[in-house]
Amino acid sequence: MSEENNIPASSPEIEWDDSEMVSQYANICNVQGTREEISLIFGSNQSLRLDQKEAVKVKVSNRIMLSPAAAKRFARLLQMGIDQYEQKYGAIEI
């Protein structure tokens, strides 16, 4: 195994089948979890007014459920992607 990323040196080649993929935009994400799974909930807030007093409605579009181990791998991959983005385009301010 490679010590750098814990991937066996002779990992099988991965072929991505995107023939049924659907792309959706999300500007809201929430995380919920139980002992057995971590859920990522994606949606979009289409409100244009930041000063509104009534509740903001978020249209939920997708829920992705992961095992805790898969969620941890996803978190690491996401951080790697953000690091690469910031190296190329600069820091993301939140």
N, C-alpha and C. Protein backbone atom coordinates (compact mmCIF):
# COMPACT_ATOMS: atom_id res chain seq x y z
N MET A 1 0.83 -1.19 0.00
CA MET A 1 0.00 0.00 0.00
C MET A 1 0.87 1.25 0.00
N SER A 2 0.40 2.25 -0.68
CA SER A 2 1.08 3.54 -0.66
C SER A 2 0.77 4.23 0.66
N GLU A 3 1.79 4.63 1.39
CA GLU A 3 1.56 5.27 2.68
C GLU A 3 0.92 6.64 2.51
N GLU A 4 1.12 7.28 1.37
CA GLU A 4 0.63 8.63 1.16
C GLU A 4 -0.89 8.70 1.16
N ASN A 5 -1.57 7.77 0.52
CA ASN A 5 -3.02 7.85 0.43
C ASN A 5 -3.73 6.53 0.72
N ASN A 6 -3.04 5.57 1.25
CA ASN A 6 -3.62 4.28 1.65
C ASN A 6 -4.33 3.56 0.52
N ILE A 7 -3.86 3.72 -0.70
CA ILE A 7 -4.40 3.02 -1.85
C ILE A 7 -3.41 1.94 -2.24
N PRO A 8 -3.87 0.70 -2.41
CA PRO A 8 -2.94 -0.35 -2.81
C PRO A 8 -2.21 0.04 -4.09
N ALA A 9 -0.94 -0.34 -4.18
CA ALA A 9 -0.11 0.03 -5.33
C ALA A 9 -0.71 -0.48 -6.63
N SER A 10 -1.41 -1.60 -6.59
CA SER A 10 -1.99 -2.17 -7.81
C SER A 10 -3.52 -2.01 -7.80
N SER A 11 -4.00 -0.81 -7.54
CA SER A 11 -5.44 -0.55 -7.54
C SER A 11 -6.03 -0.80 -8.91
N PRO A 12 -7.26 -1.32 -8.96
CA PRO A 12 -7.88 -1.52 -10.28
C PRO A 12 -8.21 -0.18 -10.91
N GLU A 13 -8.21 -0.15 -12.22
CA GLU A 13 -8.59 1.06 -12.95
C GLU A 13 -10.08 1.29 -12.75
N ILE A 14 -10.47 2.54 -12.60
CA ILE A 14 -11.88 2.89 -12.41
C ILE A 14 -12.41 3.49 -13.68
N GLU A 15 -13.54 3.00 -14.13
CA GLU A 15 -14.21 3.55 -15.31
C GLU A 15 -15.51 4.19 -14.85
N TRP A 16 -15.63 5.50 -15.03
CA TRP A 16 -16.81 6.24 -14.59
C TRP A 16 -17.87 6.19 -15.67
N ASP A 17 -19.06 5.69 -15.32
CA ASP A 17 -20.19 5.65 -16.26
C ASP A 17 -21.12 6.80 -15.93
N ASP A 18 -21.07 7.87 -16.72
CA ASP A 18 -21.91 9.04 -16.45
C ASP A 18 -23.12 9.11 -17.37
N SER A 19 -23.51 7.98 -17.95
CA SER A 19 -24.60 7.96 -18.92
C SER A 19 -25.95 8.34 -18.32
N GLU A 20 -26.14 8.17 -17.00
CA GLU A 20 -27.41 8.52 -16.37
C GLU A 20 -27.25 9.65 -15.36
N MET A 21 -26.13 10.35 -15.42
CA MET A 21 -25.87 11.43 -14.48
C MET A 21 -26.77 12.62 -14.74
N VAL A 22 -27.23 13.25 -13.67
CA VAL A 22 -28.01 14.48 -13.73
C VAL A 22 -27.27 15.51 -12.89
N SER A 23 -27.08 16.69 -13.44
CA SER A 23 -26.41 17.76 -12.69
C SER A 23 -27.45 18.73 -12.16
N GLN A 24 -27.28 19.12 -10.90
CA GLN A 24 -28.17 20.10 -10.29
C GLN A 24 -27.33 21.07 -9.49
N TYR A 25 -27.79 22.31 -9.41
CA TYR A 25 -27.11 23.34 -8.65
C TYR A 25 -27.65 23.36 -7.22
N ALA A 26 -26.77 23.54 -6.25
CA ALA A 26 -27.17 23.69 -4.84
C ALA A 26 -26.36 24.82 -4.23
N ASN A 27 -27.05 25.69 -3.49
CA ASN A 27 -26.33 26.72 -2.75
C ASN A 27 -26.55 26.59 -1.24
N ILE A 28 -27.18 25.50 -0.86
CA ILE A 28 -27.43 25.16 0.54
C ILE A 28 -27.08 23.69 0.74
N CYS A 29 -26.40 23.38 1.84
CA CYS A 29 -26.12 21.99 2.19
C CYS A 29 -26.26 21.84 3.69
N ASN A 30 -26.82 20.73 4.11
CA ASN A 30 -26.95 20.42 5.53
C ASN A 30 -26.45 19.00 5.73
N VAL A 31 -26.00 18.72 6.94
CA VAL A 31 -25.50 17.38 7.27
C VAL A 31 -26.26 16.87 8.48
N GLN A 32 -26.73 15.64 8.38
CA GLN A 32 -27.39 14.96 9.49
C GLN A 32 -26.76 13.59 9.63
N GLY A 33 -26.77 13.06 10.83
CA GLY A 33 -26.15 11.76 10.99
C GLY A 33 -26.77 10.91 12.08
N THR A 34 -26.60 9.62 11.90
CA THR A 34 -26.93 8.63 12.92
C THR A 34 -25.67 7.79 13.09
N ARG A 35 -25.74 6.81 13.93
CA ARG A 35 -24.58 5.93 14.11
C ARG A 35 -24.22 5.19 12.83
N GLU A 36 -25.22 4.86 12.02
CA GLU A 36 -25.00 4.04 10.84
C GLU A 36 -24.77 4.82 9.55
N GLU A 37 -25.17 6.12 9.50
CA GLU A 37 -25.04 6.84 8.24
C GLU A 37 -24.92 8.34 8.45
N ILE A 38 -24.32 8.98 7.48
CA ILE A 38 -24.23 10.43 7.42
C ILE A 38 -25.01 10.84 6.17
N SER A 39 -25.94 11.79 6.32
CA SER A 39 -26.73 12.27 5.19
C SER A 39 -26.32 13.68 4.83
N LEU A 40 -26.08 13.89 3.54
CA LEU A 40 -25.82 15.23 3.00
C LEU A 40 -27.09 15.64 2.27
N ILE A 41 -27.66 16.78 2.67
CA ILE A 41 -28.92 17.25 2.10
C ILE A 41 -28.62 18.53 1.32
N PHE A 42 -28.94 18.53 0.03
CA PHE A 42 -28.65 19.66 -0.85
C PHE A 42 -29.94 20.32 -1.30
N GLY A 43 -29.87 21.62 -1.47
CA GLY A 43 -31.03 22.36 -1.95
C GLY A 43 -30.64 23.73 -2.41
N SER A 44 -31.65 24.54 -2.71
CA SER A 44 -31.37 25.90 -3.16
C SER A 44 -32.32 26.88 -2.51
N ASN A 45 -31.75 27.99 -2.08
CA ASN A 45 -32.49 29.11 -1.55
C ASN A 45 -32.63 30.10 -2.69
N GLN A 46 -33.85 30.38 -3.09
CA GLN A 46 -34.06 31.26 -4.22
C GLN A 46 -34.55 32.63 -3.78
N SER A 47 -34.47 32.91 -2.50
CA SER A 47 -34.90 34.20 -1.98
C SER A 47 -33.93 35.28 -2.42
N LEU A 48 -34.46 36.39 -2.88
CA LEU A 48 -33.63 37.51 -3.30
C LEU A 48 -33.49 38.55 -2.19
N ARG A 49 -34.36 38.49 -1.20
CA ARG A 49 -34.35 39.49 -0.15
C ARG A 49 -33.68 38.94 1.09
N LEU A 50 -32.61 39.57 1.52
CA LEU A 50 -31.92 39.14 2.73
C LEU A 50 -32.56 39.70 3.99
N ASP A 51 -33.40 40.74 3.85
CA ASP A 51 -34.02 41.38 5.01
C ASP A 51 -35.42 40.87 5.31
N GLN A 52 -35.85 39.80 4.63
CA GLN A 52 -37.22 39.32 4.84
C GLN A 52 -37.39 38.78 6.25
N LYS A 53 -38.59 38.97 6.80
CA LYS A 53 -38.87 38.56 8.17
C LYS A 53 -39.47 37.15 8.24
N GLU A 54 -40.14 36.74 7.18
CA GLU A 54 -40.74 35.40 7.19
C GLU A 54 -39.67 34.34 6.97
N ALA A 55 -40.02 33.11 7.24
CA ALA A 55 -39.07 32.00 7.11
C ALA A 55 -38.56 31.89 5.67
N VAL A 56 -37.30 31.59 5.53
CA VAL A 56 -36.70 31.36 4.22
C VAL A 56 -36.98 29.93 3.83
N LYS A 57 -37.53 29.74 2.65
CA LYS A 57 -37.82 28.39 2.17
C LYS A 57 -36.69 27.91 1.29
N VAL A 58 -36.22 26.71 1.58
CA VAL A 58 -35.16 26.08 0.81
C VAL A 58 -35.77 24.88 0.10
N LYS A 59 -35.65 24.85 -1.20
CA LYS A 59 -36.15 23.70 -1.98
C LYS A 59 -35.09 22.61 -1.94
N VAL A 60 -35.40 21.51 -1.28
CA VAL A 60 -34.47 20.39 -1.15
C VAL A 60 -34.54 19.57 -2.43
N SER A 61 -33.36 19.29 -2.99
CA SER A 61 -33.32 18.56 -4.26
C SER A 61 -32.74 17.16 -4.14
N ASN A 62 -31.75 16.98 -3.26
CA ASN A 62 -31.08 15.68 -3.18
C ASN A 62 -30.66 15.37 -1.75
N ARG A 63 -30.68 14.09 -1.44
CA ARG A 63 -30.11 13.61 -0.18
C ARG A 63 -29.19 12.45 -0.54
N ILE A 64 -27.95 12.58 -0.11
CA ILE A 64 -26.96 11.53 -0.34
C ILE A 64 -26.64 10.91 1.01
N MET A 65 -26.81 9.60 1.12
CA MET A 65 -26.56 8.91 2.38
C MET A 65 -25.27 8.10 2.23
N LEU A 66 -24.37 8.26 3.19
CA LEU A 66 -23.07 7.61 3.17
C LEU A 66 -22.83 6.88 4.47
N SER A 67 -22.04 5.81 4.40
CA SER A 67 -21.57 5.20 5.64
C SER A 67 -20.59 6.19 6.28
N PRO A 68 -20.37 6.11 7.59
CA PRO A 68 -19.41 7.03 8.21
C PRO A 68 -18.02 6.96 7.55
N ALA A 69 -17.56 5.77 7.17
CA ALA A 69 -16.24 5.65 6.52
C ALA A 69 -16.25 6.33 5.15
N ALA A 70 -17.31 6.14 4.38
CA ALA A 70 -17.40 6.80 3.07
C ALA A 70 -17.51 8.31 3.23
N ALA A 71 -18.21 8.77 4.27
CA ALA A 71 -18.33 10.21 4.53
C ALA A 71 -16.97 10.81 4.87
N LYS A 72 -16.16 10.08 5.62
CA LYS A 72 -14.83 10.57 5.97
C LYS A 72 -13.94 10.64 4.73
N ARG A 73 -14.02 9.64 3.87
CA ARG A 73 -13.25 9.67 2.62
C ARG A 73 -13.71 10.84 1.75
N PHE A 74 -15.03 11.05 1.69
CA PHE A 74 -15.58 12.16 0.93
C PHE A 74 -15.08 13.50 1.48
N ALA A 75 -15.05 13.65 2.80
CA ALA A 75 -14.57 14.89 3.41
C ALA A 75 -13.12 15.16 3.02
N ARG A 76 -12.31 14.12 3.02
CA ARG A 76 -10.90 14.28 2.63
C ARG A 76 -10.77 14.65 1.16
N LEU A 77 -11.54 14.00 0.30
CA LEU A 77 -11.50 14.31 -1.13
C LEU A 77 -11.98 15.74 -1.39
N LEU A 78 -13.04 16.14 -0.70
CA LEU A 78 -13.56 17.49 -0.85
C LEU A 78 -12.52 18.52 -0.41
N GLN A 79 -11.84 18.26 0.71
CA GLN A 79 -10.80 19.18 1.17
C GLN A 79 -9.66 19.26 0.17
N MET A 80 -9.29 18.13 -0.42
CA MET A 80 -8.24 18.14 -1.45
C MET A 80 -8.67 19.01 -2.64
N GLY A 81 -9.94 18.88 -3.05
CA GLY A 81 -10.45 19.68 -4.15
C GLY A 81 -10.46 21.16 -3.83
N ILE A 82 -10.83 21.52 -2.61
CA ILE A 82 -10.84 22.91 -2.19
C ILE A 82 -9.42 23.46 -2.14
N ASP A 83 -8.49 22.67 -1.62
CA ASP A 83 -7.09 23.10 -1.57
C ASP A 83 -6.56 23.38 -2.97
N GLN A 84 -6.85 22.50 -3.91
CA GLN A 84 -6.40 22.69 -5.29
C GLN A 84 -7.03 23.94 -5.91
N TYR A 85 -8.32 24.15 -5.65
CA TYR A 85 -9.01 25.33 -6.16
C TYR A 85 -8.36 26.60 -5.63
N GLU A 86 -8.09 26.63 -4.32
CA GLU A 86 -7.51 27.83 -3.71
C GLU A 86 -6.08 28.08 -4.19
N GLN A 87 -5.34 27.03 -4.47
CA GLN A 87 -3.99 27.21 -5.02
C GLN A 87 -4.05 27.87 -6.39
N LYS A 88 -5.07 27.52 -7.15
CA LYS A 88 -5.19 28.04 -8.51
C LYS A 88 -5.85 29.42 -8.55
N TYR A 89 -6.92 29.62 -7.75
CA TYR A 89 -7.73 30.83 -7.86
C TYR A 89 -7.68 31.76 -6.64
N GLY A 90 -7.08 31.33 -5.57
CA GLY A 90 -7.01 32.15 -4.36
C GLY A 90 -7.99 31.66 -3.30
N ALA A 91 -7.84 32.21 -2.12
CA ALA A 91 -8.61 31.78 -0.95
C ALA A 91 -10.10 32.03 -1.15
N ILE A 92 -10.89 31.11 -0.64
CA ILE A 92 -12.35 31.24 -0.63
C ILE A 92 -12.73 31.87 0.71
N GLU A 93 -13.37 33.02 0.67
CA GLU A 93 -13.80 33.69 1.90
C GLU A 93 -15.20 33.27 2.25
N ILE A 94 -15.41 32.87 3.50
CA ILE A 94 -16.76 32.53 3.97
C ILE A 94 -17.07 33.30 5.24
